[in-house]
Amino acid sequence: MHSLLALAAVALLASCASQIMKNYVGGPVDAVILDYGPPDNVIEIGVGQRAFQWRRINTETVTGTTTGEVRQTRHGERYEISQSPGYVKETECFYTFFAQASGTRWFVTSFRRPQLECE
């Protein structure tokens, strides 16, 4: 039961960025640029087709932990501590929209789903 709930939670969280990206499909790339700034890469992928890509570094602080337990020794009880240090985790994320030209403007036709850590 717990693994089923965990799987459902992962599926729910995994759709966050993709749901936001889905909202741009059919609209102009200008709307994405207004919300997130200029793209980091623009790649020609065919006649009248481009990929617009944004790169973001997600930074997360992971706290350290301290645990302890009382152990019995032949000299009595002894309290032992185990520690793991905290650290900063950085994940490089790419968000890619595919677009097609219509006149002088570009319109989002689809997107590449980001890796799971970036959802």
C-alpha atoms as a PDB file:
ATOM      1  CA  MET A   1       0.000   0.000   0.000  1.00  0.00           C
ATOM      2  CA  HIS A   2       2.834   2.421   0.884  1.00  0.00           C
ATOM      3  CA  SER A   3       4.622   1.767  -2.398  1.00  0.00           C
ATOM      4  CA  LEU A   4       1.381   2.417  -4.286  1.00  0.00           C
ATOM      5  CA  LEU A   5       0.961   5.771  -2.534  1.00  0.00           C
ATOM      6  CA  ALA A   6       4.604   6.656  -3.181  1.00  0.00           C
ATOM      7  CA  LEU A   7       4.201   5.791  -6.864  1.00  0.00           C
ATOM      8  CA  ALA A   8       1.080   7.960  -7.095  1.00  0.00           C
ATOM      9  CA  ALA A   9       2.917  10.870  -5.429  1.00  0.00           C
ATOM     10  CA  VAL A  10       5.836  10.544  -7.867  1.00  0.00           C
ATOM     11  CA  ALA A  11       3.434  10.475 -10.830  1.00  0.00           C
ATOM     12  CA  LEU A  12       1.691  13.599  -9.546  1.00  0.00           C
ATOM     13  CA  LEU A  13       4.941  15.497  -9.002  1.00  0.00           C
ATOM     14  CA  ALA A  14       6.405  14.279 -12.296  1.00  0.00           C
ATOM     15  CA  SER A  15       3.807  16.161 -14.277  1.00  0.00           C
ATOM     16  CA  CYS A  16       4.429  19.646 -12.844  1.00  0.00           C
ATOM     17  CA  ALA A  17       6.819  21.172 -15.428  1.00  0.00           C
ATOM     18  CA  SER A  18       5.190  19.263 -18.272  1.00  0.00           C
ATOM     19  CA  GLN A  19       1.768  20.622 -17.325  1.00  0.00           C
ATOM     20  CA  ILE A  20       3.105  24.171 -17.380  1.00  0.00           C
ATOM     21  CA  MET A  21       4.850  23.561 -20.714  1.00  0.00           C
ATOM     22  CA  LYS A  22       1.673  22.073 -22.194  1.00  0.00           C
ATOM     23  CA  ASN A  23      -0.078  25.407 -21.632  1.00  0.00           C
ATOM     24  CA  TYR A  24       2.229  27.080 -24.191  1.00  0.00           C
ATOM     25  CA  VAL A  25       1.435  24.658 -27.053  1.00  0.00           C
ATOM     26  CA  GLY A  26      -0.393  26.503 -29.830  1.00  0.00           C
ATOM     27  CA  GLY A  27       0.737  29.899 -28.618  1.00  0.00           C
ATOM     28  CA  PRO A  28       3.619  32.102 -29.718  1.00  0.00           C
ATOM     29  CA  VAL A  29       7.145  31.456 -28.450  1.00  0.00           C
ATOM     30  CA  ASP A  30       7.056  35.125 -27.394  1.00  0.00           C
ATOM     31  CA  ALA A  31       4.832  34.116 -24.456  1.00  0.00           C
ATOM     32  CA  VAL A  32       7.507  31.731 -23.151  1.00  0.00           C
ATOM     33  CA  ILE A  33      10.178  34.402 -23.623  1.00  0.00           C
ATOM     34  CA  LEU A  34       8.089  36.945 -21.694  1.00  0.00           C
ATOM     35  CA  ASP A  35       7.758  34.479 -18.789  1.00  0.00           C
ATOM     36  CA  TYR A  36      11.290  33.001 -18.703  1.00  0.00           C
ATOM     37  CA  GLY A  37      13.546  35.386 -20.625  1.00  0.00           C
ATOM     38  CA  PRO A  38      15.426  34.708 -23.839  1.00  0.00           C
ATOM     39  CA  PRO A  39      16.251  31.081 -24.642  1.00  0.00           C
ATOM     40  CA  ASP A  40      19.757  29.759 -24.037  1.00  0.00           C
ATOM     41  CA  ASN A  41      19.759  27.890 -27.370  1.00  0.00           C
ATOM     42  CA  VAL A  42      17.849  28.171 -30.626  1.00  0.00           C
ATOM     43  CA  ILE A  43      18.373  25.231 -32.961  1.00  0.00           C
ATOM     44  CA  GLU A  44      17.228  25.008 -36.584  1.00  0.00           C
ATOM     45  CA  ILE A  45      15.714  21.522 -36.945  1.00  0.00           C
ATOM     46  CA  GLY A  46      14.170  21.805 -40.387  1.00  0.00           C
ATOM     47  CA  VAL A  47      12.633  24.206 -42.843  1.00  0.00           C
ATOM     48  CA  GLY A  48      10.474  26.545 -40.794  1.00  0.00           C
ATOM     49  CA  GLN A  49      11.094  24.549 -37.609  1.00  0.00           C
ATOM     50  CA  ARG A  50      13.140  25.416 -34.548  1.00  0.00           C
ATOM     51  CA  ALA A  51      13.801  24.171 -31.053  1.00  0.00           C
ATOM     52  CA  PHE A  52      13.953  26.834 -28.348  1.00  0.00           C
ATOM     53  CA  GLN A  53      15.760  25.684 -25.222  1.00  0.00           C
ATOM     54  CA  TRP A  54      16.049  27.132 -21.741  1.00  0.00           C
ATOM     55  CA  ARG A  55      18.691  25.904 -19.290  1.00  0.00           C
ATOM     56  CA  ARG A  56      18.152  26.235 -15.566  1.00  0.00           C
ATOM     57  CA  ILE A  57      20.186  25.099 -12.583  1.00  0.00           C
ATOM     58  CA  ASN A  58      17.959  23.902  -9.760  1.00  0.00           C
ATOM     59  CA  THR A  59      19.688  24.152  -6.387  1.00  0.00           C
ATOM     60  CA  GLU A  60      18.474  22.233  -3.380  1.00  0.00           C
ATOM     61  CA  THR A  61      19.934  22.130   0.123  1.00  0.00           C
ATOM     62  CA  VAL A  62      19.897  18.706   1.713  1.00  0.00           C
ATOM     63  CA  THR A  63      20.209  18.834   5.482  1.00  0.00           C
ATOM     64  CA  GLY A  64      22.530  16.564   7.396  1.00  0.00           C
ATOM     65  CA  THR A  65      21.348  14.077   9.967  1.00  0.00           C
ATOM     66  CA  THR A  66      22.485  12.995  13.393  1.00  0.00           C
ATOM     67  CA  THR A  67      21.353   9.753  14.955  1.00  0.00           C
ATOM     68  CA  GLY A  68      22.409   8.006  18.127  1.00  0.00           C
ATOM     69  CA  GLU A  69      21.825   4.834  19.995  1.00  0.00           C
ATOM     70  CA  VAL A  70      22.735   3.326  23.333  1.00  0.00           C
ATOM     71  CA  ARG A  71      24.956   0.245  23.072  1.00  0.00           C
ATOM     72  CA  GLN A  72      25.687  -2.230  25.788  1.00  0.00           C
ATOM     73  CA  THR A  73      29.381  -2.940  26.354  1.00  0.00           C
ATOM     74  CA  ARG A  74      31.038  -5.059  29.015  1.00  0.00           C
ATOM     75  CA  HIS A  75      31.901  -1.796  30.774  1.00  0.00           C
ATOM     76  CA  GLY A  76      28.329  -0.509  30.792  1.00  0.00           C
ATOM     77  CA  GLU A  77      26.219   1.534  28.416  1.00  0.00           C
ATOM     78  CA  ARG A  78      27.748   3.723  25.747  1.00  0.00           C
ATOM     79  CA  TYR A  79      25.990   6.283  23.526  1.00  0.00           C
ATOM     80  CA  GLU A  80      27.201   6.243  19.909  1.00  0.00           C
ATOM     81  CA  ILE A  81      26.471   9.046  17.458  1.00  0.00           C
ATOM     82  CA  SER A  82      26.372   8.777  13.661  1.00  0.00           C
ATOM     83  CA  GLN A  83      26.380  11.898  11.535  1.00  0.00           C
ATOM     84  CA  SER A  84      25.967  12.592   7.850  1.00  0.00           C
ATOM     85  CA  PRO A  85      26.800  16.100   6.648  1.00  0.00           C
ATOM     86  CA  GLY A  86      24.438  18.320   4.695  1.00  0.00           C
ATOM     87  CA  TYR A  87      25.197  19.273   1.117  1.00  0.00           C
ATOM     88  CA  VAL A  88      23.986  21.344  -1.809  1.00  0.00           C
ATOM     89  CA  LYS A  89      22.566  19.409  -4.741  1.00  0.00           C
ATOM     90  CA  GLU A  90      22.538  21.062  -8.158  1.00  0.00           C
ATOM     91  CA  THR A  91      20.577  19.684 -11.102  1.00  0.00           C
ATOM     92  CA  GLU A  92      21.013  21.041 -14.619  1.00  0.00           C
ATOM     93  CA  CYS A  93      17.643  21.141 -16.371  1.00  0.00           C
ATOM     94  CA  PHE A  94      16.769  21.789 -20.008  1.00  0.00           C
ATOM     95  CA  TYR A  95      13.282  22.854 -21.106  1.00  0.00           C
ATOM     96  CA  THR A  96      12.804  22.547 -24.866  1.00  0.00           C
ATOM     97  CA  PHE A  97       9.914  23.798 -26.994  1.00  0.00           C
ATOM     98  CA  PHE A  98       9.524  22.943 -30.669  1.00  0.00           C
ATOM     99  CA  ALA A  99       8.077  25.659 -32.858  1.00  0.00           C
ATOM    100  CA  GLN A 100       6.974  26.290 -36.420  1.00  0.00           C
ATOM    101  CA  ALA A 101       7.180  29.539 -38.333  1.00  0.00           C
ATOM    102  CA  SER A 102       4.018  31.332 -39.352  1.00  0.00           C
ATOM    103  CA  GLY A 103       4.846  34.540 -41.127  1.00  0.00           C
ATOM    104  CA  THR A 104       7.442  36.297 -39.002  1.00  0.00           C
ATOM    105  CA  ARG A 105       6.420  34.633 -35.728  1.00  0.00           C
ATOM    106  CA  TRP A 106       7.136  31.260 -34.172  1.00  0.00           C
ATOM    107  CA  PHE A 107       4.402  29.133 -32.597  1.00  0.00           C
ATOM    108  CA  VAL A 108       4.925  26.287 -30.130  1.00  0.00           C
ATOM    109  CA  THR A 109       3.886  22.936 -31.612  1.00  0.00           C
ATOM    110  CA  SER A 110       5.194  20.591 -28.896  1.00  0.00           C
ATOM    111  CA  PHE A 111       7.829  20.219 -26.210  1.00  0.00           C
ATOM    112  CA  ARG A 112      10.343  17.695 -24.951  1.00  0.00           C
ATOM    113  CA  ARG A 113       9.466  16.376 -21.533  1.00  0.00           C
ATOM    114  CA  PRO A 114      12.185  17.336 -18.998  1.00  0.00           C
ATOM    115  CA  GLN A 115      14.078  14.669 -17.121  1.00  0.00           C
ATOM    116  CA  LEU A 116      12.353  13.446 -13.966  1.00  0.00           C
ATOM    117  CA  GLU A 117      14.566  15.472 -11.596  1.00  0.00           C
ATOM    118  CA  CYS A 118      13.457  18.649 -13.405  1.00  0.00           C
ATOM    119  CA  GLU A 119       9.716  18.043 -13.274  1.00  0.00           C
END
